[in-house]
Amino acid sequence: MRGNIAQLMQQAQKMQEDMQRVQEELANLEVTGNAGGGMVAVTLTGRMECRKVRIDPSVLSDPEMAEDLIAAAFNDAVNKANAASQEKMGAATAGMPLPPGMKLPF
């Protein structure tokens, strides 16, 4: 029994170290979401911090279209950042017996 607890503690320690490494990688990760065939681009970090917004000048003549394209590009970037985060977190927690539906970080 003691061996199992010690092994579980070692696995938890390794997972914690892996997750810290992944969080650092995500902080440095940048993803770009696009809309309107590239007329609007939004770049976010893995922590969902906006780094850059690029808008084609032709979009600015129609404010409603510009708003829609910015929102769409932002949502595209968020989806890409979430996908990258799940992929990296999945690799960090591989082999750990987590209950179904449990997501990390908490």
PDB file of N, CA and C in Angstrom:
ATOM      1  N   MET A   1       0.819  -1.195   0.000  1.00  0.00           N
ATOM      2  CA  MET A   1       0.000   0.000   0.000  1.00  0.00           C
ATOM      3  C   MET A   1       0.864   1.261   0.000  1.00  0.00           C
ATOM      4  N   ARG A   2       1.922   1.255   0.824  1.00  0.00           N
ATOM      5  CA  ARG A   2       2.791   2.425   0.882  1.00  0.00           C
ATOM      6  C   ARG A   2       3.472   2.690  -0.452  1.00  0.00           C
ATOM      7  N   GLY A   3       3.822   1.623  -1.139  1.00  0.00           N
ATOM      8  CA  GLY A   3       4.458   1.764  -2.448  1.00  0.00           C
ATOM      9  C   GLY A   3       3.533   2.434  -3.449  1.00  0.00           C
ATOM     10  N   ASN A   4       2.250   2.094  -3.384  1.00  0.00           N
ATOM     11  CA  ASN A   4       1.273   2.700  -4.286  1.00  0.00           C
ATOM     12  C   ASN A   4       1.110   4.184  -4.013  1.00  0.00           C
ATOM     13  N   ILE A   5       1.075   4.555  -2.736  1.00  0.00           N
ATOM     14  CA  ILE A   5       0.927   5.966  -2.376  1.00  0.00           C
ATOM     15  C   ILE A   5       2.167   6.743  -2.811  1.00  0.00           C
ATOM     16  N   ALA A   6       3.343   6.172  -2.585  1.00  0.00           N
ATOM     17  CA  ALA A   6       4.580   6.839  -2.989  1.00  0.00           C
ATOM     18  C   ALA A   6       4.626   7.007  -4.507  1.00  0.00           C
ATOM     19  N   GLN A   7       4.195   5.981  -5.218  1.00  0.00           N
ATOM     20  CA  GLN A   7       4.179   6.059  -6.682  1.00  0.00           C
ATOM     21  C   GLN A   7       3.177   7.107  -7.150  1.00  0.00           C
ATOM     22  N   LEU A   8       2.010   7.144  -6.528  1.00  0.00           N
ATOM     23  CA  LEU A   8       1.002   8.135  -6.875  1.00  0.00           C
ATOM     24  C   LEU A   8       1.514   9.550  -6.602  1.00  0.00           C
ATOM     25  N   MET A   9       2.208   9.728  -5.490  1.00  0.00           N
ATOM     26  CA  MET A   9       2.771  11.045  -5.160  1.00  0.00           C
ATOM     27  C   MET A   9       3.829  11.458  -6.187  1.00  0.00           C
ATOM     28  N   GLN A  10       4.641  10.518  -6.636  1.00  0.00           N
ATOM     29  CA  GLN A  10       5.643  10.817  -7.654  1.00  0.00           C
ATOM     30  C   GLN A  10       4.972  11.212  -8.967  1.00  0.00           C
ATOM     31  N   GLN A  11       3.902  10.504  -9.328  1.00  0.00           N
ATOM     32  CA  GLN A  11       3.175  10.841 -10.550  1.00  0.00           C
ATOM     33  C   GLN A  11       2.553  12.231 -10.441  1.00  0.00           C
ATOM     34  N   ALA A  12       2.000  12.540  -9.285  1.00  0.00           N
ATOM     35  CA  ALA A  12       1.391  13.859  -9.081  1.00  0.00           C
ATOM     36  C   ALA A  12       2.446  14.950  -9.157  1.00  0.00           C
ATOM     37  N   GLN A  13       3.614  14.719  -8.596  1.00  0.00           N
ATOM     38  CA  GLN A  13       4.711  15.690  -8.641  1.00  0.00           C
ATOM     39  C   GLN A  13       5.150  15.928 -10.077  1.00  0.00           C
ATOM     40  N   LYS A  14       5.298  14.836 -10.831  1.00  0.00           N
ATOM     41  CA  LYS A  14       5.710  14.965 -12.228  1.00  0.00           C
ATOM     42  C   LYS A  14       4.648  15.704 -13.031  1.00  0.00           C
ATOM     43  N   MET A  15       3.373  15.377 -12.794  1.00  0.00           N
ATOM     44  CA  MET A  15       2.293  16.050 -13.513  1.00  0.00           C
ATOM     45  C   MET A  15       2.286  17.543 -13.180  1.00  0.00           C
ATOM     46  N   GLN A  16       2.521  17.884 -11.926  1.00  0.00           N
ATOM     47  CA  GLN A  16       2.556  19.297 -11.538  1.00  0.00           C
ATOM     48  C   GLN A  16       3.695  20.017 -12.256  1.00  0.00           C
ATOM     49  N   GLU A  17       4.854  19.393 -12.336  1.00  0.00           N
ATOM     50  CA  GLU A  17       5.990  19.990 -13.044  1.00  0.00           C
ATOM     51  C   GLU A  17       5.683  20.130 -14.530  1.00  0.00           C
ATOM     52  N   ASP A  18       5.083  19.098 -15.107  1.00  0.00           N
ATOM     53  CA  ASP A  18       4.724  19.149 -16.531  1.00  0.00           C
ATOM     54  C   ASP A  18       3.706  20.246 -16.798  1.00  0.00           C
ATOM     55  N   MET A  19       2.725  20.382 -15.913  1.00  0.00           N
ATOM     56  CA  MET A  19       1.703  21.412 -16.109  1.00  0.00           C
ATOM     57  C   MET A  19       2.290  22.811 -15.981  1.00  0.00           C
ATOM     58  N   GLN A  20       3.231  22.993 -15.073  1.00  0.00           N
ATOM     59  CA  GLN A  20       3.876  24.295 -14.947  1.00  0.00           C
ATOM     60  C   GLN A  20       4.654  24.619 -16.221  1.00  0.00           C
ATOM     61  N   ARG A  21       5.333  23.627 -16.769  1.00  0.00           N
ATOM     62  CA  ARG A  21       6.077  23.818 -18.016  1.00  0.00           C
ATOM     63  C   ARG A  21       5.118  24.165 -19.153  1.00  0.00           C
ATOM     64  N   VAL A  22       3.993  23.461 -19.217  1.00  0.00           N
ATOM     65  CA  VAL A  22       3.004  23.705 -20.271  1.00  0.00           C
ATOM     66  C   VAL A  22       2.423  25.104 -20.136  1.00  0.00           C
ATOM     67  N   GLN A  23       2.138  25.548 -18.917  1.00  0.00           N
ATOM     68  CA  GLN A  23       1.598  26.892 -18.723  1.00  0.00           C
ATOM     69  C   GLN A  23       2.586  27.954 -19.186  1.00  0.00           C
ATOM     70  N   GLU A  24       3.875  27.720 -18.971  1.00  0.00           N
ATOM     71  CA  GLU A  24       4.892  28.645 -19.461  1.00  0.00           C
ATOM     72  C   GLU A  24       4.928  28.646 -20.990  1.00  0.00           C
ATOM     73  N   GLU A  25       4.803  27.456 -21.588  1.00  0.00           N
ATOM     74  CA  GLU A  25       4.770  27.364 -23.048  1.00  0.00           C
ATOM     75  C   GLU A  25       3.550  28.097 -23.607  1.00  0.00           C
ATOM     76  N   LEU A  26       2.403  27.935 -22.945  1.00  0.00           N
ATOM     77  CA  LEU A  26       1.191  28.600 -23.404  1.00  0.00           C
ATOM     78  C   LEU A  26       1.315  30.118 -23.308  1.00  0.00           C
ATOM     79  N   ALA A  27       2.024  30.600 -22.300  1.00  0.00           N
ATOM     80  CA  ALA A  27       2.211  32.044 -22.163  1.00  0.00           C
ATOM     81  C   ALA A  27       2.989  32.598 -23.352  1.00  0.00           C
ATOM     82  N   ASN A  28       3.880  31.789 -23.907  1.00  0.00           N
ATOM     83  CA  ASN A  28       4.696  32.218 -25.044  1.00  0.00           C
ATOM     84  C   ASN A  28       4.069  31.886 -26.393  1.00  0.00           C
ATOM     85  N   LEU A  29       3.047  31.034 -26.392  1.00  0.00           N
ATOM     86  CA  LEU A  29       2.382  30.637 -27.624  1.00  0.00           C
ATOM     87  C   LEU A  29       1.578  31.800 -28.186  1.00  0.00           C
ATOM     88  N   GLU A  30       1.606  31.967 -29.485  1.00  0.00           N
ATOM     89  CA  GLU A  30       0.769  32.962 -30.146  1.00  0.00           C
ATOM     90  C   GLU A  30      -0.009  32.279 -31.259  1.00  0.00           C
ATOM     91  N   VAL A  31      -1.308  32.571 -31.304  1.00  0.00           N
ATOM     92  CA  VAL A  31      -2.170  32.056 -32.363  1.00  0.00           C
ATOM     93  C   VAL A  31      -2.854  33.240 -33.025  1.00  0.00           C
ATOM     94  N   THR A  32      -3.145  33.088 -34.305  1.00  0.00           N
ATOM     95  CA  THR A  32      -3.789  34.166 -35.050  1.00  0.00           C
ATOM     96  C   THR A  32      -5.102  33.658 -35.625  1.00  0.00           C
ATOM     97  N   GLY A  33      -6.163  34.408 -35.320  1.00  0.00           N
ATOM     98  CA  GLY A  33      -7.472  34.125 -35.882  1.00  0.00           C
ATOM     99  C   GLY A  33      -7.731  35.073 -37.032  1.00  0.00           C
ATOM    100  N   ASN A  34      -8.386  34.580 -38.060  1.00  0.00           N
ATOM    101  CA  ASN A  34      -8.653  35.386 -39.248  1.00  0.00           C
ATOM    102  C   ASN A  34     -10.141  35.406 -39.557  1.00  0.00           C
ATOM    103  N   ALA A  35     -10.561  36.451 -40.249  1.00  0.00           N
ATOM    104  CA  ALA A  35     -11.938  36.547 -40.734  1.00  0.00           C
ATOM    105  C   ALA A  35     -11.934  37.354 -42.017  1.00  0.00           C
ATOM    106  N   GLY A  36     -12.971  37.138 -42.820  1.00  0.00           N
ATOM    107  CA  GLY A  36     -13.091  37.889 -44.069  1.00  0.00           C
ATOM    108  C   GLY A  36     -11.974  37.589 -45.037  1.00  0.00           C
ATOM    109  N   GLY A  37     -11.557  36.346 -45.087  1.00  0.00           N
ATOM    110  CA  GLY A  37     -10.488  35.985 -46.014  1.00  0.00           C
ATOM    111  C   GLY A  37      -9.171  36.660 -45.675  1.00  0.00           C
ATOM    112  N   GLY A  38      -8.928  36.894 -44.385  1.00  0.00           N
ATOM    113  CA  GLY A  38      -7.682  37.520 -43.956  1.00  0.00           C
ATOM    114  C   GLY A  38      -7.749  39.043 -43.881  1.00  0.00           C
ATOM    115  N   MET A  39      -8.939  39.600 -44.090  1.00  0.00           N
ATOM    116  CA  MET A  39      -9.068  41.064 -44.018  1.00  0.00           C
ATOM    117  C   MET A  39      -8.909  41.560 -42.581  1.00  0.00           C
ATOM    118  N   VAL A  40      -9.220  40.693 -41.610  1.00  0.00           N
ATOM    119  CA  VAL A  40      -9.018  41.016 -40.198  1.00  0.00           C
ATOM    120  C   VAL A  40      -8.282  39.854 -39.558  1.00  0.00           C
ATOM    121  N   ALA A  41      -7.260  40.160 -38.779  1.00  0.00           N
ATOM    122  CA  ALA A  41      -6.501  39.140 -38.066  1.00  0.00           C
ATOM    123  C   ALA A  41      -6.288  39.595 -36.629  1.00  0.00           C
ATOM    124  N   VAL A  42      -6.480  38.663 -35.700  1.00  0.00           N
ATOM    125  CA  VAL A  42      -6.280  38.938 -34.279  1.00  0.00           C
ATOM    126  C   VAL A  42      -5.294  37.904 -33.754  1.00  0.00           C
ATOM    127  N   THR A  43      -4.247  38.366 -33.089  1.00  0.00           N
ATOM    128  CA  THR A  43      -3.243  37.477 -32.516  1.00  0.00           C
ATOM    129  C   THR A  43      -3.370  37.487 -31.001  1.00  0.00           C
ATOM    130  N   LEU A  44      -3.514  36.294 -30.422  1.00  0.00           N
ATOM    131  CA  LEU A  44      -3.630  36.116 -28.976  1.00  0.00           C
ATOM    132  C   LEU A  44      -2.526  35.200 -28.481  1.00  0.00           C
ATOM    133  N   THR A  45      -2.217  35.326 -27.187  1.00  0.00           N
ATOM    134  CA  THR A  45      -1.325  34.358 -26.555  1.00  0.00           C
ATOM    135  C   THR A  45      -2.155  33.191 -26.069  1.00  0.00           C
ATOM    136  N   GLY A  46      -1.482  32.160 -25.593  1.00  0.00           N
ATOM    137  CA  GLY A  46      -2.180  31.017 -25.020  1.00  0.00           C
ATOM    138  C   GLY A  46      -2.932  31.376 -23.760  1.00  0.00           C
ATOM    139  N   ARG A  47      -2.614  32.510 -23.166  1.00  0.00           N
ATOM    140  CA  ARG A  47      -3.328  32.997 -21.978  1.00  0.00           C
ATOM    141  C   ARG A  47      -4.448  33.961 -22.340  1.00  0.00           C
ATOM    142  N   MET A  48      -4.772  34.025 -23.617  1.00  0.00           N
ATOM    143  CA  MET A  48      -5.852  34.863 -24.138  1.00  0.00           C
ATOM    144  C   MET A  48      -5.571  36.363 -24.035  1.00  0.00           C
ATOM    145  N   GLU A  49      -4.315  36.732 -24.033  1.00  0.00           N
ATOM    146  CA  GLU A  49      -3.943  38.142 -24.069  1.00  0.00           C
ATOM    147  C   GLU A  49      -3.792  38.566 -25.518  1.00  0.00           C
ATOM    148  N   CYS A  50      -4.410  39.673 -25.876  1.00  0.00           N
ATOM    149  CA  CYS A  50      -4.349  40.148 -27.252  1.00  0.00           C
ATOM    150  C   CYS A  50      -2.992  40.795 -27.508  1.00  0.00           C
ATOM    151  N   ARG A  51      -2.318  40.334 -28.542  1.00  0.00           N
ATOM    152  CA  ARG A  51      -1.009  40.878 -28.910  1.00  0.00           C
ATOM    153  C   ARG A  51      -1.091  41.845 -30.084  1.00  0.00           C
ATOM    154  N   LYS A  52      -1.992  41.535 -31.031  1.00  0.00           N
ATOM    155  CA  LYS A  52      -2.024  42.356 -32.239  1.00  0.00           C
ATOM    156  C   LYS A  52      -3.373  42.213 -32.934  1.00  0.00           C
ATOM    157  N   VAL A  53      -3.826  43.315 -33.519  1.00  0.00           N
ATOM    158  CA  VAL A  53      -5.026  43.314 -34.359  1.00  0.00           C
ATOM    159  C   VAL A  53      -4.642  43.984 -35.666  1.00  0.00           C
ATOM    160  N   ARG A  54      -4.914  43.286 -36.776  1.00  0.00           N
ATOM    161  CA  ARG A  54      -4.625  43.855 -38.092  1.00  0.00           C
ATOM    162  C   ARG A  54      -5.931  43.933 -38.862  1.00  0.00           C
ATOM    163  N   ILE A  55      -6.225  45.134 -39.371  1.00  0.00           N
ATOM    164  CA  ILE A  55      -7.463  45.359 -40.112  1.00  0.00           C
ATOM    165  C   ILE A  55      -7.127  45.957 -41.462  1.00  0.00           C
ATOM    166  N   ASP A  56      -7.604  45.305 -42.519  1.00  0.00           N
ATOM    167  CA  ASP A  56      -7.420  45.837 -43.858  1.00  0.00           C
ATOM    168  C   ASP A  56      -8.185  47.156 -43.960  1.00  0.00           C
ATOM    169  N   PRO A  57      -7.570  48.219 -44.463  1.00  0.00           N
ATOM    170  CA  PRO A  57      -8.238  49.523 -44.538  1.00  0.00           C
ATOM    171  C   PRO A  57      -9.577  49.511 -45.280  1.00  0.00           C
ATOM    172  N   SER A  58      -9.743  48.602 -46.228  1.00  0.00           N
ATOM    173  CA  SER A  58     -11.002  48.560 -46.970  1.00  0.00           C
ATOM    174  C   SER A  58     -12.189  48.181 -46.085  1.00  0.00           C
ATOM    175  N   VAL A  59     -11.929  47.506 -44.976  1.00  0.00           N
ATOM    176  CA  VAL A  59     -12.983  47.095 -44.057  1.00  0.00           C
ATOM    177  C   VAL A  59     -13.539  48.290 -43.279  1.00  0.00           C
ATOM    178  N   LEU A  60     -12.726  49.291 -43.086  1.00  0.00           N
ATOM    179  CA  LEU A  60     -13.114  50.410 -42.229  1.00  0.00           C
ATOM    180  C   LEU A  60     -14.216  51.282 -42.821  1.00  0.00           C
ATOM    181  N   SER A  61     -14.489  51.138 -44.107  1.00  0.00           N
ATOM    182  CA  SER A  61     -15.548  51.945 -44.723  1.00  0.00           C
ATOM    183  C   SER A  61     -16.944  51.473 -44.305  1.00  0.00           C
ATOM    184  N   ASP A  62     -17.035  50.258 -43.757  1.00  0.00           N
ATOM    185  CA  ASP A  62     -18.313  49.719 -43.298  1.00  0.00           C
ATOM    186  C   ASP A  62     -18.155  49.289 -41.834  1.00  0.00           C
ATOM    187  N   PRO A  63     -18.507  50.179 -40.901  1.00  0.00           N
ATOM    188  CA  PRO A  63     -18.290  49.894 -39.478  1.00  0.00           C
ATOM    189  C   PRO A  63     -18.951  48.602 -38.990  1.00  0.00           C
ATOM    190  N   GLU A  64     -20.163  48.300 -39.436  1.00  0.00           N
ATOM    191  CA  GLU A  64     -20.831  47.082 -38.988  1.00  0.00           C
ATOM    192  C   GLU A  64     -20.086  45.840 -39.455  1.00  0.00           C
ATOM    193  N   MET A  65     -19.628  45.852 -40.691  1.00  0.00           N
ATOM    194  CA  MET A  65     -18.868  44.723 -41.205  1.00  0.00           C
ATOM    195  C   MET A  65     -17.552  44.596 -40.433  1.00  0.00           C
ATOM    196  N   ALA A  66     -16.905  45.720 -40.145  1.00  0.00           N
ATOM    197  CA  ALA A  66     -15.651  45.697 -39.395  1.00  0.00           C
ATOM    198  C   ALA A  66     -15.866  45.072 -38.020  1.00  0.00           C
ATOM    199  N   GLU A  67     -16.934  45.467 -37.342  1.00  0.00           N
ATOM    200  CA  GLU A  67     -17.231  44.909 -36.021  1.00  0.00           C
ATOM    201  C   GLU A  67     -17.434  43.400 -36.103  1.00  0.00           C
ATOM    202  N   ASP A  68     -18.200  42.950 -37.097  1.00  0.00           N
ATOM    203  CA  ASP A  68     -18.460  41.523 -37.252  1.00  0.00           C
ATOM    204  C   ASP A  68     -17.180  40.748 -37.546  1.00  0.00           C
ATOM    205  N   LEU A  69     -16.346  41.297 -38.411  1.00  0.00           N
ATOM    206  CA  LEU A  69     -15.105  40.608 -38.761  1.00  0.00           C
ATOM    207  C   LEU A  69     -14.129  40.563 -37.595  1.00  0.00           C
ATOM    208  N   ILE A  70     -14.070  41.631 -36.822  1.00  0.00           N
ATOM    209  CA  ILE A  70     -13.184  41.640 -35.641  1.00  0.00           C
ATOM    210  C   ILE A  70     -13.644  40.585 -34.644  1.00  0.00           C
ATOM    211  N   ALA A  71     -14.955  40.546 -34.395  1.00  0.00           N
ATOM    212  CA  ALA A  71     -15.485  39.538 -33.467  1.00  0.00           C
ATOM    213  C   ALA A  71     -15.202  38.127 -33.979  1.00  0.00           C
ATOM    214  N   ALA A  72     -15.400  37.896 -35.256  1.00  0.00           N
ATOM    215  CA  ALA A  72     -15.162  36.571 -35.831  1.00  0.00           C
ATOM    216  C   ALA A  72     -13.687  36.186 -35.751  1.00  0.00           C
ATOM    217  N   ALA A  73     -12.802  37.128 -36.039  1.00  0.00           N
ATOM    218  CA  ALA A  73     -11.363  36.848 -35.967  1.00  0.00           C
ATOM    219  C   ALA A  73     -10.949  36.566 -34.526  1.00  0.00           C
ATOM    220  N   PHE A  74     -11.498  37.313 -33.588  1.00  0.00           N
ATOM    221  CA  PHE A  74     -11.189  37.093 -32.173  1.00  0.00           C
ATOM    222  C   PHE A  74     -11.660  35.706 -31.749  1.00  0.00           C
ATOM    223  N   ASN A  75     -12.881  35.339 -32.119  1.00  0.00           N
ATOM    224  CA  ASN A  75     -13.408  34.017 -31.771  1.00  0.00           C
ATOM    225  C   ASN A  75     -12.584  32.903 -32.408  1.00  0.00           C
ATOM    226  N   ASP A  76     -12.125  33.109 -33.625  1.00  0.00           N
ATOM    227  CA  ASP A  76     -11.269  32.129 -34.288  1.00  0.00           C
ATOM    228  C   ASP A  76      -9.965  31.952 -33.515  1.00  0.00           C
ATOM    229  N   ALA A  77      -9.382  33.054 -33.075  1.00  0.00           N
ATOM    230  CA  ALA A  77      -8.135  32.993 -32.304  1.00  0.00           C
ATOM    231  C   ALA A  77      -8.360  32.290 -30.969  1.00  0.00           C
ATOM    232  N   VAL A  78      -9.464  32.585 -30.295  1.00  0.00           N
ATOM    233  CA  VAL A  78      -9.772  31.934 -29.016  1.00  0.00           C
ATOM    234  C   VAL A  78      -9.918  30.427 -29.212  1.00  0.00           C
ATOM    235  N   ASN A  79     -10.625  30.024 -30.261  1.00  0.00           N
ATOM    236  CA  ASN A  79     -10.787  28.591 -30.535  1.00  0.00           C
ATOM    237  C   ASN A  79      -9.447  27.918 -30.788  1.00  0.00           C
ATOM    238  N   LYS A  80      -8.569  28.578 -31.524  1.00  0.00           N
ATOM    239  CA  LYS A  80      -7.239  28.017 -31.794  1.00  0.00           C
ATOM    240  C   LYS A  80      -6.409  27.934 -30.516  1.00  0.00           C
ATOM    241  N   ALA A  81      -6.483  28.964 -29.673  1.00  0.00           N
ATOM    242  CA  ALA A  81      -5.737  28.961 -28.413  1.00  0.00           C
ATOM    243  C   ALA A  81      -6.251  27.861 -27.491  1.00  0.00           C
ATOM    244  N   ASN A  82      -7.568  27.693 -27.422  1.00  0.00           N
ATOM    245  CA  ASN A  82      -8.143  26.632 -26.588  1.00  0.00           C
ATOM    246  C   ASN A  82      -7.739  25.252 -27.082  1.00  0.00           C
ATOM    247  N   ALA A  83      -7.738  25.064 -28.384  1.00  0.00           N
ATOM    248  CA  ALA A  83      -7.339  23.774 -28.951  1.00  0.00           C
ATOM    249  C   ALA A  83      -5.878  23.467 -28.625  1.00  0.00           C
ATOM    250  N   ALA A  84      -5.017  24.466 -28.760  1.00  0.00           N
ATOM    251  CA  ALA A  84      -3.596  24.271 -28.450  1.00  0.00           C
ATOM    252  C   ALA A  84      -3.413  23.985 -26.963  1.00  0.00           C
ATOM    253  N   SER A  85      -4.172  24.676 -26.120  1.00  0.00           N
ATOM    254  CA  SER A  85      -4.096  24.468 -24.682  1.00  0.00           C
ATOM    255  C   SER A  85      -4.523  23.054 -24.309  1.00  0.00           C
ATOM    256  N   GLN A  86      -5.632  22.594 -24.865  1.00  0.00           N
ATOM    257  CA  GLN A  86      -6.103  21.242 -24.570  1.00  0.00           C
ATOM    258  C   GLN A  86      -5.106  20.194 -25.041  1.00  0.00           C
ATOM    259  N   GLU A  87      -4.518  20.431 -26.196  1.00  0.00           N
ATOM    260  CA  GLU A  87      -3.533  19.483 -26.727  1.00  0.00           C
ATOM    261  C   GLU A  87      -2.325  19.397 -25.804  1.00  0.00           C
ATOM    262  N   LYS A  88      -1.811  20.549 -25.393  1.00  0.00           N
ATOM    263  CA  LYS A  88      -0.628  20.556 -24.533  1.00  0.00           C
ATOM    264  C   LYS A  88      -0.942  20.017 -23.140  1.00  0.00           C
ATOM    265  N   MET A  89      -2.103  20.361 -22.594  1.00  0.00           N
ATOM    266  CA  MET A  89      -2.486  19.848 -21.278  1.00  0.00           C
ATOM    267  C   MET A  89      -2.714  18.350 -21.332  1.00  0.00           C
ATOM    268  N   GLY A  90      -3.286  17.877 -22.432  1.00  0.00           N
ATOM    269  CA  GLY A  90      -3.500  16.443 -22.585  1.00  0.00           C
ATOM    270  C   GLY A  90      -2.190  15.685 -22.581  1.00  0.00           C
ATOM    271  N   ALA A  91      -1.178  16.250 -23.212  1.00  0.00           N
ATOM    272  CA  ALA A  91       0.134  15.606 -23.225  1.00  0.00           C
ATOM    273  C   ALA A  91       0.751  15.620 -21.831  1.00  0.00           C
ATOM    274  N   ALA A  92       0.520  16.688 -21.070  1.00  0.00           N
ATOM    275  CA  ALA A  92       1.101  16.798 -19.726  1.00  0.00           C
ATOM    276  C   ALA A  92       0.445  15.835 -18.751  1.00  0.00           C
ATOM    277  N   THR A  93      -0.835  15.524 -18.960  1.00  0.00           N
ATOM    278  CA  THR A  93      -1.549  14.656 -18.024  1.00  0.00           C
ATOM    279  C   THR A  93      -1.681  13.227 -18.547  1.00  0.00           C
ATOM    280  N   ALA A  94      -1.042  12.919 -19.660  1.00  0.00           N
ATOM    281  CA  ALA A  94      -1.119  11.572 -20.227  1.00  0.00           C
ATOM    282  C   ALA A  94      -0.633  10.552 -19.206  1.00  0.00           C
ATOM    283  N   GLY A  95      -1.396   9.492 -19.059  1.00  0.00           N
ATOM    284  CA  GLY A  95      -0.995   8.436 -18.137  1.00  0.00           C
ATOM    285  C   GLY A  95      -1.537   8.605 -16.735  1.00  0.00           C
ATOM    286  N   MET A  96      -2.047   9.793 -16.409  1.00  0.00           N
ATOM    287  CA  MET A  96      -2.629  10.003 -15.085  1.00  0.00           C
ATOM    288  C   MET A  96      -4.093   9.599 -15.132  1.00  0.00           C
ATOM    289  N   PRO A  97      -4.539   8.798 -14.203  1.00  0.00           N
ATOM    290  CA  PRO A  97      -5.938   8.377 -14.187  1.00  0.00           C
ATOM    291  C   PRO A  97      -6.843   9.494 -13.665  1.00  0.00           C
ATOM    292  N   LEU A  98      -7.381  10.303 -14.565  1.00  0.00           N
ATOM    293  CA  LEU A  98      -8.284  11.384 -14.188  1.00  0.00           C
ATOM    294  C   LEU A  98      -9.724  10.949 -14.437  1.00  0.00           C
ATOM    295  N   PRO A  99     -10.637  11.374 -13.573  1.00  0.00           N
ATOM    296  CA  PRO A  99     -12.048  11.023 -13.784  1.00  0.00           C
ATOM    297  C   PRO A  99     -12.552  11.593 -15.104  1.00  0.00           C
ATOM    298  N   PRO A 100     -13.497  10.933 -15.754  1.00  0.00           N
ATOM    299  CA  PRO A 100     -14.058  11.426 -17.012  1.00  0.00           C
ATOM    300  C   PRO A 100     -14.637  12.831 -16.857  1.00  0.00           C
ATOM    301  N   GLY A 101     -14.340  13.676 -17.798  1.00  0.00           N
ATOM    302  CA  GLY A 101     -14.869  15.035 -17.777  1.00  0.00           C
ATOM    303  C   GLY A 101     -14.066  16.015 -16.945  1.00  0.00           C
ATOM    304  N   MET A 102     -13.060  15.546 -16.225  1.00  0.00           N
ATOM    305  CA  MET A 102     -12.243  16.446 -15.411  1.00  0.00           C
ATOM    306  C   MET A 102     -11.274  17.185 -16.301  1.00  0.00           C
ATOM    307  N   LYS A 103     -11.287  18.509 -16.203  1.00  0.00           N
ATOM    308  CA  LYS A 103     -10.408  19.328 -17.026  1.00  0.00           C
ATOM    309  C   LYS A 103      -9.362  19.995 -16.152  1.00  0.00           C
ATOM    310  N   LEU A 104      -8.170  20.120 -16.689  1.00  0.00           N
ATOM    311  CA  LEU A 104      -7.085  20.797 -15.990  1.00  0.00           C
ATOM    312  C   LEU A 104      -6.636  21.961 -16.829  1.00  0.00           C
ATOM    313  N   PRO A 105      -6.165  23.056 -16.260  1.00  0.00           N
ATOM    314  CA  PRO A 105      -6.177  23.337 -14.831  1.00  0.00           C
ATOM    315  C   PRO A 105      -7.589  23.559 -14.332  1.00  0.00           C
ATOM    316  N   PHE A 106      -7.757  23.387 -13.040  1.00  0.00           N
ATOM    317  CA  PHE A 106      -9.094  23.412 -12.416  1.00  0.00           C
ATOM    318  C   PHE A 106      -9.775  24.730 -12.577  1.00  0.00           C
TER     319      PHE A 106
END
